[in-house]
Amino acid sequence: MKSTILVLKLCILLLGPQTSFAQNRNNIWCFGDSAGIDFNDTTNPFPINTSLVTRGSCASISDTSGNLLFYCSTRSGWPGVYSGFIWNRINNLMLGGDSIGGDGWYYEMVIVPVPNDDSLFLLSSIGVTMPYGLMYSIIDMRGDNGLGEVTQKNISLLSGKMVDCVTAIKHGNGRDWWLMVRESPTGQPTYNNTWLLFLISPSGINPIPVQNVGELNGTNLGNIAVSPDGTKICFTNLGGLIELYDFNRCTGLVSNPVTIEPQLSSSPYPYYWASEFSPSGQYLYVSSSTQISRLWQFDTWAPNIPSTKTLLWQVQNPANTAGALKRGPDNKIYFSCAWTGGGFNYVNYNSSQYYLENMNLSLINSPDSAGFSCDFQPWSFYLGGKRTYWGLPNNPNYDLGPLVGSSCDTLVGISEPQPSIIKPQLNIFYHPQWQTAFINASNLTASKGTLEIFDVQGKMMHQEDIQIVNGYYTRNFNMTGMADGMYFVNLVTVGQRLSGKLVKE
């Protein structure tokens, strides 16, 4: 599968040479069916209510004091162009927060702060079973009186289908971010071991060379866990692959693969759902979801890692099925399972389906202890009457600082391009299945303008007046009923004229 990599610039104005390291941004989790957890007191986390109804993909971010800013999710079976939504801190749909990329899987979304701008956030999302590829949207917290607004939406970085594992890792300088995705092998003649990374910095979003390393991945459902120091990653998939890698936070290099268990060539598959590292990085926990749900522990510091595989827990389905593992701000690991008995609808629970398995999370209370001394307690964290599915927030380690002692542990001497004039940009992405053009413009200087669409003969097919907010304009333009072929798009303001084209097919 060929992926089209677009070098798209955010054109973010540098505010200065220094940055402050994010703290407390992971303190509020939002997930499942209206569920959430407040970790601001790590000795006593407590459940909260949210507006979510999602079986899997979700993410949330707080300010540096631990106050919730916004959260997002995708929803399986939801009608419309895309199934993603963004909610603000008062649990209302954010302005422009509908139709965000994603099609209802488990690790489709991740949020990072835009480097050197405390008000801007970048939400990256992927398509797993639909060829949405990798996209990003921009959230400006200055919009809607401080509740936030989506100012650009679904800007394409890659085409094609992705493995369900989008991940972000803090750069070694403690400011920038690595965005990591994998190409899906679904529908392709061969499996692949392709890793695709982008560097998010004050100069924009830039790809680094494609890397091919490790075992061949054969499924579109995978998971990437990152060690607390960001130097190790673990990839698991439903086909049985568990593999460790070194990760270079300075260069984005994925290297030194260590296969704990290989990808199987035939069923029965173990359906490894998720993995998570202990706070020291020594122990790796892996969940498995087949006819029996299981939780395993591995010692990654041992000379023979596979020999340390320890079964901590198992339970016969269909009472529940194992899902996500996530290390919390309190350094405990939280484990989510979905209830799957009695005619379960995997998209929505009905009003009577409240059970031990979906009203509680399980806890690994001492994850840096070997074997059963890790103190795994099933169904021990009550969600206050709300319910969980398989997913937990796909939040990165926001608190990770510089990689001390490395070549990139400081911002001193890092030279970022600072153009004297920030140029306006027009990005157009056409989605053929939904017959919709996503039109995004940035760095506009006017507050009003005109959108024009012409066919190849020069006939005007559409014209409308537009409003521009904080230099941004975004529009989802439905082209149902318009003939196939090439179209030209103009965005005209006082002193600015941007032009682009698209092909409807």
Protein backbone atom coordinates (compact mmCIF):
# COMPACT_ATOMS: atom_id res chain seq x y z
CA MET A 1 0.00 0.00 0.00
CA LYS A 2 1.32 3.37 -0.92
CA SER A 3 0.73 6.18 1.55
CA THR A 4 0.82 9.76 0.41
CA ILE A 5 2.82 11.80 2.90
CA LEU A 6 1.99 15.47 2.83
CA VAL A 7 4.39 17.89 4.46
CA LEU A 8 1.86 20.21 6.07
CA LYS A 9 2.94 23.17 8.12
CA LEU A 10 1.08 24.55 11.10
CA CYS A 11 2.97 27.81 10.70
CA ILE A 12 2.93 28.43 14.41
CA LEU A 13 4.52 31.69 15.51
CA LEU A 14 7.31 31.10 18.03
CA LEU A 15 6.65 32.80 21.31
CA GLY A 16 10.19 32.49 22.64
CA PRO A 17 13.14 30.15 23.10
CA GLN A 18 11.98 28.49 26.31
CA THR A 19 9.07 26.24 27.20
CA SER A 20 7.47 24.96 30.40
CA PHE A 21 6.97 21.24 30.88
CA ALA A 22 3.37 20.13 31.09
CA GLN A 23 2.23 18.85 34.45
CA ASN A 24 -1.11 17.36 35.46
CA ARG A 25 -2.43 17.22 31.88
CA ASN A 26 -3.36 13.54 32.35
CA ASN A 27 -5.27 14.10 35.60
CA ILE A 28 -8.79 13.73 34.16
CA TRP A 29 -9.79 10.59 32.25
CA CYS A 30 -12.98 10.40 30.16
CA PHE A 31 -14.08 7.06 28.69
CA GLY A 32 -16.80 4.44 28.23
CA ASP A 33 -20.49 5.14 28.84
CA SER A 34 -20.46 8.53 30.61
CA ALA A 35 -17.53 7.46 32.79
CA GLY A 36 -14.46 9.30 33.98
CA ILE A 37 -11.88 9.56 36.76
CA ASP A 38 -10.42 12.62 38.52
CA PHE A 39 -6.80 11.94 39.61
CA ASN A 40 -5.98 15.36 41.02
CA ASP A 41 -5.71 13.73 44.44
CA THR A 42 -3.67 10.65 43.56
CA THR A 43 -4.30 9.18 47.02
CA ASN A 44 -8.03 9.23 46.38
CA PRO A 45 -9.04 9.20 42.68
CA PHE A 46 -12.80 9.49 42.29
CA PRO A 47 -15.31 8.87 39.48
CA ILE A 48 -16.85 11.69 37.45
CA ASN A 49 -19.59 11.97 34.83
CA THR A 50 -18.92 12.73 31.14
CA SER A 51 -20.86 12.96 27.88
CA LEU A 52 -19.16 9.99 26.21
CA VAL A 53 -20.76 6.90 24.75
CA THR A 54 -17.82 5.03 23.25
CA ARG A 55 -16.73 1.40 23.25
CA GLY A 56 -13.09 2.32 22.71
CA SER A 57 -11.25 5.31 21.23
CA CYS A 58 -11.07 8.29 23.56
CA ALA A 59 -8.60 10.89 24.82
CA SER A 60 -8.66 13.81 27.23
CA ILE A 61 -6.40 16.66 28.27
CA SER A 62 -6.27 19.03 31.24
CA ASP A 63 -4.43 22.30 31.83
CA THR A 64 -1.20 22.36 33.81
CA SER A 65 -3.19 22.71 37.04
CA GLY A 66 -5.16 19.52 36.34
CA ASN A 67 -8.41 21.21 35.26
CA LEU A 68 -10.16 19.47 32.36
CA LEU A 69 -9.92 21.33 29.03
CA PHE A 70 -11.67 18.98 26.60
CA TYR A 71 -12.05 15.33 25.61
CA CYS A 72 -12.91 13.33 22.50
CA SER A 73 -13.99 9.93 21.25
CA THR A 74 -15.18 7.96 18.25
CA ARG A 75 -18.43 6.01 18.20
CA SER A 76 -19.03 2.78 16.30
CA GLY A 77 -22.15 2.71 14.10
CA TRP A 78 -22.62 6.48 14.24
CA PRO A 79 -24.13 7.89 11.02
CA GLY A 80 -22.38 10.67 9.16
CA VAL A 81 -19.05 11.44 7.57
CA TYR A 82 -16.85 10.63 10.58
CA SER A 83 -17.71 9.27 14.01
CA GLY A 84 -15.46 11.49 16.15
CA PHE A 85 -16.69 14.15 18.59
CA ILE A 86 -15.00 16.67 20.89
CA TRP A 87 -16.58 17.87 24.13
CA ASN A 88 -15.59 20.91 26.16
CA ARG A 89 -14.99 21.03 29.90
CA ILE A 90 -18.68 21.55 30.71
CA ASN A 91 -19.56 18.36 28.79
CA ASN A 92 -21.13 20.12 25.80
CA LEU A 93 -20.16 19.49 22.19
CA MET A 94 -17.34 21.89 21.33
CA LEU A 95 -17.91 24.42 18.56
CA GLY A 96 -16.95 22.59 15.36
CA GLY A 97 -16.42 19.43 17.39
CA ASP A 98 -18.54 17.08 15.24
CA SER A 99 -17.46 14.87 12.30
CA ILE A 100 -13.88 14.34 13.50
CA GLY A 101 -11.94 11.56 11.76
CA GLY A 102 -12.25 8.00 13.05
CA ASP A 103 -14.58 5.05 12.55
CA GLY A 104 -15.26 3.62 15.99
CA TRP A 105 -12.28 1.47 17.03
CA TYR A 106 -10.01 1.65 20.09
CA TYR A 107 -6.78 3.66 19.67
CA GLU A 108 -7.74 6.13 16.92
CA MET A 109 -7.14 9.47 18.67
CA VAL A 110 -4.39 11.27 20.56
CA ILE A 111 -4.12 14.89 21.76
CA VAL A 112 -0.91 16.92 22.17
CA PRO A 113 -0.31 20.60 23.01
CA VAL A 114 1.05 22.60 20.10
CA PRO A 115 4.65 23.51 21.04
CA ASN A 116 5.07 27.11 22.18
CA ASP A 117 1.39 28.06 22.08
CA ASP A 118 -0.52 27.44 25.30
CA SER A 119 -3.88 27.94 23.60
CA LEU A 120 -3.57 25.51 20.67
CA PHE A 121 -3.93 21.73 20.72
CA LEU A 122 -3.54 19.16 17.95
CA LEU A 123 -5.87 16.16 17.78
CA SER A 124 -4.54 13.41 15.51
CA SER A 125 -6.92 10.69 14.34
CA ILE A 126 -6.83 7.71 12.00
CA GLY A 127 -9.10 5.48 9.94
CA VAL A 128 -8.76 1.74 10.63
CA THR A 129 -11.39 0.14 8.39
CA MET A 130 -12.01 3.22 6.25
CA PRO A 131 -9.20 4.76 4.14
CA TYR A 132 -9.16 8.02 6.09
CA GLY A 133 -5.43 7.67 6.70
CA LEU A 134 -3.93 10.00 9.31
CA MET A 135 -5.50 13.41 9.89
CA TYR A 136 -5.21 16.24 12.35
CA SER A 137 -7.55 18.90 13.69
CA ILE A 138 -6.65 22.08 15.59
CA ILE A 139 -8.43 23.17 18.78
CA ASP A 140 -8.05 26.81 19.88
CA MET A 141 -8.95 27.29 23.55
CA ARG A 142 -9.45 31.03 22.98
CA GLY A 143 -12.63 30.23 21.05
CA ASP A 144 -16.15 30.21 22.52
CA ASN A 145 -15.20 32.34 25.51
CA GLY A 146 -12.51 29.93 26.66
CA LEU A 147 -14.47 26.70 26.11
CA GLY A 148 -12.54 25.99 22.92
CA GLU A 149 -13.33 25.75 19.22
CA VAL A 150 -12.19 23.46 16.41
CA THR A 151 -10.64 25.90 13.94
CA GLN A 152 -9.31 23.34 11.43
CA LYS A 153 -10.64 19.86 10.90
CA ASN A 154 -9.49 16.57 9.33
CA ILE A 155 -6.41 17.84 7.50
CA SER A 156 -4.84 14.86 5.76
CA LEU A 157 -1.28 13.72 6.49
CA LEU A 158 -1.48 10.15 5.12
CA SER A 159 -3.93 8.24 2.94
CA GLY A 160 -5.00 4.61 3.25
CA LYS A 161 -5.89 2.47 6.26
CA MET A 162 -3.97 2.54 9.52
CA VAL A 163 -3.35 0.02 12.31
CA ASP A 164 -5.44 0.91 15.36
CA CYS A 165 -2.52 2.32 17.37
CA VAL A 166 -1.86 6.06 16.89
CA THR A 167 0.63 7.15 19.57
CA ALA A 168 2.46 10.32 20.69
CA ILE A 169 5.82 10.43 22.53
CA LYS A 170 7.52 13.55 23.93
CA HIS A 171 10.70 14.55 22.10
CA GLY A 172 13.96 14.46 24.03
CA ASN A 173 13.97 18.25 24.24
CA GLY A 174 10.91 18.12 26.46
CA ARG A 175 8.91 20.39 24.17
CA ASP A 176 8.20 18.77 20.79
CA TRP A 177 6.30 15.56 20.03
CA TRP A 178 6.72 12.45 17.93
CA LEU A 179 3.51 11.22 16.28
CA MET A 180 3.64 7.49 15.47
CA VAL A 181 1.38 5.36 13.24
CA ARG A 182 1.58 2.05 11.35
CA GLU A 183 0.21 1.10 7.93
CA SER A 184 -2.55 -1.49 7.98
CA PRO A 185 -1.91 -4.77 6.13
CA THR A 186 -5.66 -5.25 5.57
CA GLY A 187 -6.41 -5.73 1.88
CA GLN A 188 -2.71 -5.78 0.98
CA PRO A 189 -0.87 -8.77 -0.54
CA THR A 190 1.74 -8.94 2.24
CA TYR A 191 2.13 -8.11 5.91
CA ASN A 192 4.42 -5.19 6.79
CA ASN A 193 6.76 -3.89 9.48
CA THR A 194 6.39 -0.23 8.52
CA TRP A 195 6.62 2.59 11.06
CA LEU A 196 5.63 6.14 10.09
CA LEU A 197 6.62 9.07 12.30
CA PHE A 198 6.09 12.82 12.23
CA LEU A 199 7.82 15.48 14.31
CA ILE A 200 5.49 18.12 15.76
CA SER A 201 7.49 21.26 16.51
CA PRO A 202 6.98 25.03 16.34
CA SER A 203 7.86 24.86 12.63
CA GLY A 204 5.01 22.46 11.81
CA ILE A 205 4.33 18.75 11.29
CA ASN A 206 7.14 17.10 9.37
CA PRO A 207 7.62 13.43 8.42
CA ILE A 208 10.89 11.60 9.00
CA PRO A 209 12.02 8.74 6.72
CA VAL A 210 9.88 5.60 6.73
CA GLN A 211 11.28 2.84 8.95
CA ASN A 212 10.90 -0.90 8.35
CA VAL A 213 11.92 -2.82 11.44
CA GLY A 214 10.75 -5.79 13.50
CA GLU A 215 8.34 -8.65 12.88
CA LEU A 216 5.73 -8.40 10.13
CA ASN A 217 2.35 -7.26 11.45
CA GLY A 218 -0.67 -9.09 10.04
CA THR A 219 -3.67 -7.35 11.63
CA ASN A 220 -5.23 -3.89 11.74
CA LEU A 221 -5.95 -4.11 15.48
CA GLY A 222 -2.82 -3.37 17.48
CA ASN A 223 -1.62 -1.40 20.47
CA ILE A 224 1.53 0.56 21.30
CA ALA A 225 2.58 0.99 24.92
CA VAL A 226 5.35 3.44 25.86
CA SER A 227 7.64 3.05 28.85
CA PRO A 228 7.49 5.86 31.45
CA ASP A 229 10.84 7.29 30.30
CA GLY A 230 9.83 7.09 26.61
CA THR A 231 12.83 4.96 25.59
CA LYS A 232 10.98 1.65 25.10
CA ILE A 233 7.83 0.76 23.21
CA CYS A 234 5.83 -2.47 23.03
CA PHE A 235 3.68 -3.44 20.06
CA THR A 236 1.01 -6.11 20.48
CA ASN A 237 -1.65 -7.36 18.09
CA LEU A 238 -4.55 -9.77 17.94
CA GLY A 239 -2.47 -12.27 16.00
CA GLY A 240 -0.17 -12.99 18.94
CA LEU A 241 2.73 -10.60 18.36
CA ILE A 242 4.39 -9.08 21.45
CA GLU A 243 7.52 -7.15 20.54
CA LEU A 244 9.75 -4.68 22.40
CA TYR A 245 11.74 -1.90 20.70
CA ASP A 246 14.15 0.83 21.69
CA PHE A 247 12.94 4.32 20.88
CA ASN A 248 15.28 7.28 20.40
CA ARG A 249 13.47 10.38 21.64
CA CYS A 250 16.01 12.64 19.88
CA THR A 251 15.82 11.13 16.37
CA GLY A 252 12.55 9.17 16.32
CA LEU A 253 14.45 5.97 15.50
CA VAL A 254 12.69 2.66 16.27
CA SER A 255 15.33 -0.06 16.72
CA ASN A 256 16.54 -3.28 18.38
CA PRO A 257 13.33 -5.34 18.17
CA VAL A 258 12.99 -8.15 20.71
CA THR A 259 10.22 -10.63 19.90
CA ILE A 260 8.60 -11.93 23.08
CA GLU A 261 5.96 -13.87 21.15
CA PRO A 262 5.69 -14.10 17.34
CA GLN A 263 2.83 -13.34 14.98
CA LEU A 264 0.93 -16.62 14.44
CA SER A 265 0.21 -17.81 10.91
CA SER A 266 -3.07 -19.55 11.76
CA SER A 267 -5.78 -19.61 14.42
CA PRO A 268 -6.49 -19.91 17.26
CA TYR A 269 -5.05 -16.48 17.97
CA PRO A 270 -4.52 -15.15 21.52
CA TYR A 271 -6.08 -11.74 20.71
CA TYR A 272 -3.63 -9.65 22.69
CA TRP A 273 -5.67 -6.51 23.28
CA ALA A 274 -3.35 -4.13 25.10
CA SER A 275 -0.11 -3.80 27.04
CA GLU A 276 1.30 -1.43 29.64
CA PHE A 277 4.62 -0.89 31.42
CA SER A 278 5.07 -0.66 35.18
CA PRO A 279 6.36 2.70 36.55
CA SER A 280 9.99 1.48 36.48
CA GLY A 281 9.57 -0.03 33.02
CA GLN A 282 10.62 -3.48 34.27
CA TYR A 283 7.30 -5.29 34.11
CA LEU A 284 5.02 -5.49 31.11
CA TYR A 285 1.36 -6.38 31.47
CA VAL A 286 -0.62 -7.80 28.53
CA SER A 287 -4.36 -8.45 28.27
CA SER A 288 -5.79 -11.26 26.14
CA SER A 289 -9.41 -11.60 25.02
CA THR A 290 -10.65 -14.86 23.47
CA GLN A 291 -13.18 -17.32 24.91
CA ILE A 292 -11.26 -16.69 28.13
CA SER A 293 -10.07 -13.26 29.22
CA ARG A 294 -6.57 -13.26 30.70
CA LEU A 295 -4.00 -10.90 32.21
CA TRP A 296 -0.28 -11.71 31.88
CA GLN A 297 2.94 -10.28 33.34
CA PHE A 298 6.43 -10.32 31.74
CA ASP A 299 9.76 -9.22 33.24
CA THR A 300 11.43 -7.17 30.47
CA TRP A 301 14.73 -6.97 32.40
CA ALA A 302 15.15 -10.74 32.48
CA PRO A 303 17.68 -12.45 30.12
CA ASN A 304 14.85 -14.65 28.77
CA ILE A 305 11.70 -12.53 28.76
CA PRO A 306 9.29 -15.20 27.38
CA SER A 307 10.18 -17.53 30.26
CA THR A 308 8.85 -14.98 32.77
CA LYS A 309 5.31 -15.07 31.40
CA THR A 310 2.99 -15.28 34.42
CA LEU A 311 -0.78 -15.70 34.31
CA LEU A 312 -2.24 -13.34 36.91
CA TRP A 313 -5.94 -13.76 36.21
CA GLN A 314 -8.43 -15.40 33.88
CA VAL A 315 -12.20 -15.59 33.60
CA GLN A 316 -14.49 -17.43 31.19
CA ASN A 317 -16.36 -15.33 28.65
CA PRO A 318 -19.04 -14.25 27.77
CA ALA A 319 -19.28 -12.68 31.23
CA ASN A 320 -16.75 -10.05 30.12
CA THR A 321 -13.97 -9.51 27.63
CA ALA A 322 -10.59 -7.98 28.44
CA GLY A 323 -9.74 -4.55 27.09
CA ALA A 324 -7.34 -1.67 27.70
CA LEU A 325 -4.54 -1.36 30.26
CA LYS A 326 -3.47 2.14 31.30
CA ARG A 327 -1.00 3.42 33.88
CA GLY A 328 -2.62 6.15 35.94
CA PRO A 329 -1.13 9.31 37.51
CA ASP A 330 -1.13 7.34 40.79
CA ASN A 331 1.22 4.74 39.19
CA LYS A 332 -1.38 2.01 39.43
CA ILE A 333 -2.45 0.23 36.26
CA TYR A 334 -6.16 0.35 35.38
CA PHE A 335 -7.76 -2.49 33.41
CA SER A 336 -11.04 -2.11 31.55
CA CYS A 337 -13.35 -4.93 30.46
CA ALA A 338 -16.65 -4.86 28.59
CA TRP A 339 -19.62 -6.93 29.67
CA THR A 340 -20.61 -9.24 26.82
CA GLY A 341 -23.33 -11.56 28.12
CA GLY A 342 -27.05 -11.80 27.48
CA GLY A 343 -27.46 -10.52 23.93
CA PHE A 344 -24.91 -7.75 24.34
CA ASN A 345 -24.85 -5.01 21.69
CA TYR A 346 -21.21 -4.00 21.34
CA VAL A 347 -22.16 -0.49 20.19
CA ASN A 348 -24.40 0.46 23.12
CA TYR A 349 -25.39 -1.05 26.44
CA ASN A 350 -29.12 -1.01 27.05
CA SER A 351 -30.66 0.61 30.11
CA SER A 352 -30.71 -2.61 32.15
CA GLN A 353 -27.18 -3.87 31.49
CA TYR A 354 -25.44 -2.82 34.71
CA TYR A 355 -23.10 -5.50 36.04
CA LEU A 356 -20.01 -5.89 38.20
CA GLU A 357 -17.91 -6.26 35.05
CA ASN A 358 -18.91 -2.98 33.41
CA MET A 359 -19.49 -0.79 36.47
CA ASN A 360 -15.92 -1.21 37.75
CA LEU A 361 -12.34 -1.13 36.55
CA SER A 362 -9.78 -3.63 37.80
CA LEU A 363 -6.52 -2.46 39.42
CA ILE A 364 -2.90 -3.57 39.54
CA ASN A 365 -2.00 -1.83 42.77
CA SER A 366 1.75 -2.60 42.88
CA PRO A 367 2.76 -3.04 39.23
CA ASP A 368 6.50 -2.99 40.01
CA SER A 369 6.21 -6.21 42.01
CA ALA A 370 6.75 -9.65 40.50
CA GLY A 371 3.94 -12.14 39.96
CA PHE A 372 0.99 -12.17 42.33
CA SER A 373 2.67 -9.66 44.64
CA CYS A 374 1.62 -7.00 42.09
CA ASP A 375 -1.72 -7.13 43.93
CA PHE A 376 -4.17 -7.42 41.04
CA GLN A 377 -7.71 -6.71 42.26
CA PRO A 378 -10.51 -7.37 39.74
CA TRP A 379 -13.54 -5.08 39.73
CA SER A 380 -12.13 -2.93 42.52
CA PHE A 381 -12.59 0.65 41.25
CA TYR A 382 -16.26 1.68 41.22
CA LEU A 383 -17.23 4.13 38.46
CA GLY A 384 -19.99 5.85 40.40
CA GLY A 385 -22.83 4.20 38.55
CA LYS A 386 -21.30 4.71 35.08
CA ARG A 387 -20.06 1.94 32.79
CA THR A 388 -16.87 1.01 31.00
CA TYR A 389 -16.29 -0.80 27.70
CA TRP A 390 -12.91 -1.94 26.34
CA GLY A 391 -11.29 1.46 25.98
CA LEU A 392 -9.37 3.82 28.27
CA PRO A 393 -7.96 7.24 27.28
CA ASN A 394 -5.15 7.09 24.75
CA ASN A 395 -3.29 9.88 26.57
CA PRO A 396 0.49 10.19 26.13
CA ASN A 397 2.93 10.95 28.95
CA TYR A 398 2.48 14.72 29.05
CA ASP A 399 4.77 15.08 32.07
CA LEU A 400 7.86 13.61 30.39
CA GLY A 401 10.68 16.18 30.50
CA PRO A 402 13.97 16.48 28.60
CA LEU A 403 16.14 13.41 28.09
CA VAL A 404 18.89 14.52 30.45
CA GLY A 405 22.41 13.85 29.21
CA SER A 406 21.38 13.39 25.58
CA SER A 407 22.31 15.51 22.60
CA CYS A 408 18.83 17.04 22.60
CA ASP A 409 18.10 17.58 26.30
CA THR A 410 17.93 21.36 25.96
CA LEU A 411 16.32 23.91 23.71
CA VAL A 412 19.42 26.07 23.78
CA GLY A 413 20.94 26.12 20.31
CA ILE A 414 17.90 24.58 18.62
CA SER A 415 17.21 26.71 15.58
CA GLU A 416 13.64 26.82 14.37
CA PRO A 417 12.74 28.47 11.08
CA GLN A 418 11.07 31.79 11.76
CA PRO A 419 9.69 33.19 8.51
CA SER A 420 9.26 36.93 8.51
CA ILE A 421 5.88 36.50 6.87
CA ILE A 422 3.56 33.64 7.81
CA LYS A 423 1.85 32.68 4.58
CA PRO A 424 -1.84 31.76 4.38
CA GLN A 425 -2.58 28.15 3.44
CA LEU A 426 -5.52 26.33 1.86
CA ASN A 427 -5.83 22.55 2.34
CA ILE A 428 -8.52 20.50 0.58
CA PHE A 429 -9.23 16.82 1.17
CA TYR A 430 -12.02 15.01 -0.70
CA HIS A 431 -13.56 11.85 0.77
CA PRO A 432 -15.20 9.82 -2.05
CA GLN A 433 -17.40 7.55 0.07
CA TRP A 434 -19.09 10.48 1.78
CA GLN A 435 -18.81 12.79 -1.26
CA THR A 436 -17.58 15.53 1.03
CA ALA A 437 -14.75 18.06 0.57
CA PHE A 438 -12.99 19.15 3.76
CA ILE A 439 -11.80 22.71 3.18
CA ASN A 440 -9.37 24.26 5.69
CA ALA A 441 -7.53 27.59 5.56
CA SER A 442 -5.11 29.12 8.05
CA ASN A 443 -3.21 32.36 8.69
CA LEU A 444 -5.91 34.53 7.13
CA THR A 445 -5.85 38.21 8.04
CA ALA A 446 -9.49 39.16 7.40
CA SER A 447 -12.61 38.27 9.39
CA LYS A 448 -14.87 37.73 6.37
CA GLY A 449 -14.53 36.40 2.86
CA THR A 450 -16.08 34.39 0.03
CA LEU A 451 -15.86 30.70 -0.86
CA GLU A 452 -16.14 29.91 -4.59
CA ILE A 453 -16.23 26.53 -6.33
CA PHE A 454 -15.92 26.21 -10.13
CA ASP A 455 -16.06 23.24 -12.47
CA VAL A 456 -13.34 22.57 -15.05
CA GLN A 457 -15.24 24.68 -17.62
CA GLY A 458 -15.11 27.70 -15.34
CA LYS A 459 -18.79 27.55 -14.37
CA MET A 460 -19.43 28.65 -10.80
CA MET A 461 -21.04 25.75 -8.95
CA HIS A 462 -21.20 27.30 -5.49
CA GLN A 463 -20.60 30.63 -3.78
CA GLU A 464 -21.11 31.67 -0.17
CA ASP A 465 -20.00 34.31 2.31
CA ILE A 466 -17.77 32.98 5.08
CA GLN A 467 -16.70 33.95 8.58
CA ILE A 468 -13.04 33.64 9.62
CA VAL A 469 -12.18 33.08 13.28
CA ASN A 470 -8.68 33.83 14.63
CA GLY A 471 -7.23 33.41 11.14
CA TYR A 472 -8.85 30.00 10.53
CA TYR A 473 -11.65 28.79 8.29
CA THR A 474 -13.00 25.24 8.04
CA ARG A 475 -15.90 23.85 5.99
CA ASN A 476 -17.29 20.37 5.29
CA PHE A 477 -18.80 20.79 1.81
CA ASN A 478 -21.12 18.00 0.66
CA MET A 479 -20.85 17.37 -3.10
CA THR A 480 -23.67 14.85 -3.46
CA GLY A 481 -25.39 15.42 -6.79
CA MET A 482 -22.42 17.16 -8.38
CA ALA A 483 -20.84 15.47 -11.39
CA ASP A 484 -17.55 13.59 -11.12
CA GLY A 485 -14.51 15.50 -12.27
CA MET A 486 -12.11 18.25 -11.29
CA TYR A 487 -13.21 21.32 -9.35
CA PHE A 488 -11.39 24.51 -8.41
CA VAL A 489 -11.80 26.15 -5.02
CA ASN A 490 -11.14 29.83 -4.33
CA LEU A 491 -11.16 31.52 -0.94
CA VAL A 492 -11.19 35.29 -1.36
CA THR A 493 -10.74 37.93 1.36
CA VAL A 494 -9.62 41.52 1.35
CA GLY A 495 -6.01 41.36 0.21
CA GLN A 496 -5.82 37.55 0.04
CA ARG A 497 -6.83 34.97 -2.56
CA LEU A 498 -6.16 31.26 -2.05
CA SER A 499 -6.79 28.63 -4.73
CA GLY A 500 -6.83 24.84 -4.76
CA LYS A 501 -8.41 21.94 -6.57
CA LEU A 502 -9.99 18.56 -5.95
CA VAL A 503 -11.13 15.59 -7.99
CA LYS A 504 -14.58 14.16 -7.29
CA GLU A 505 -14.84 10.49 -8.21
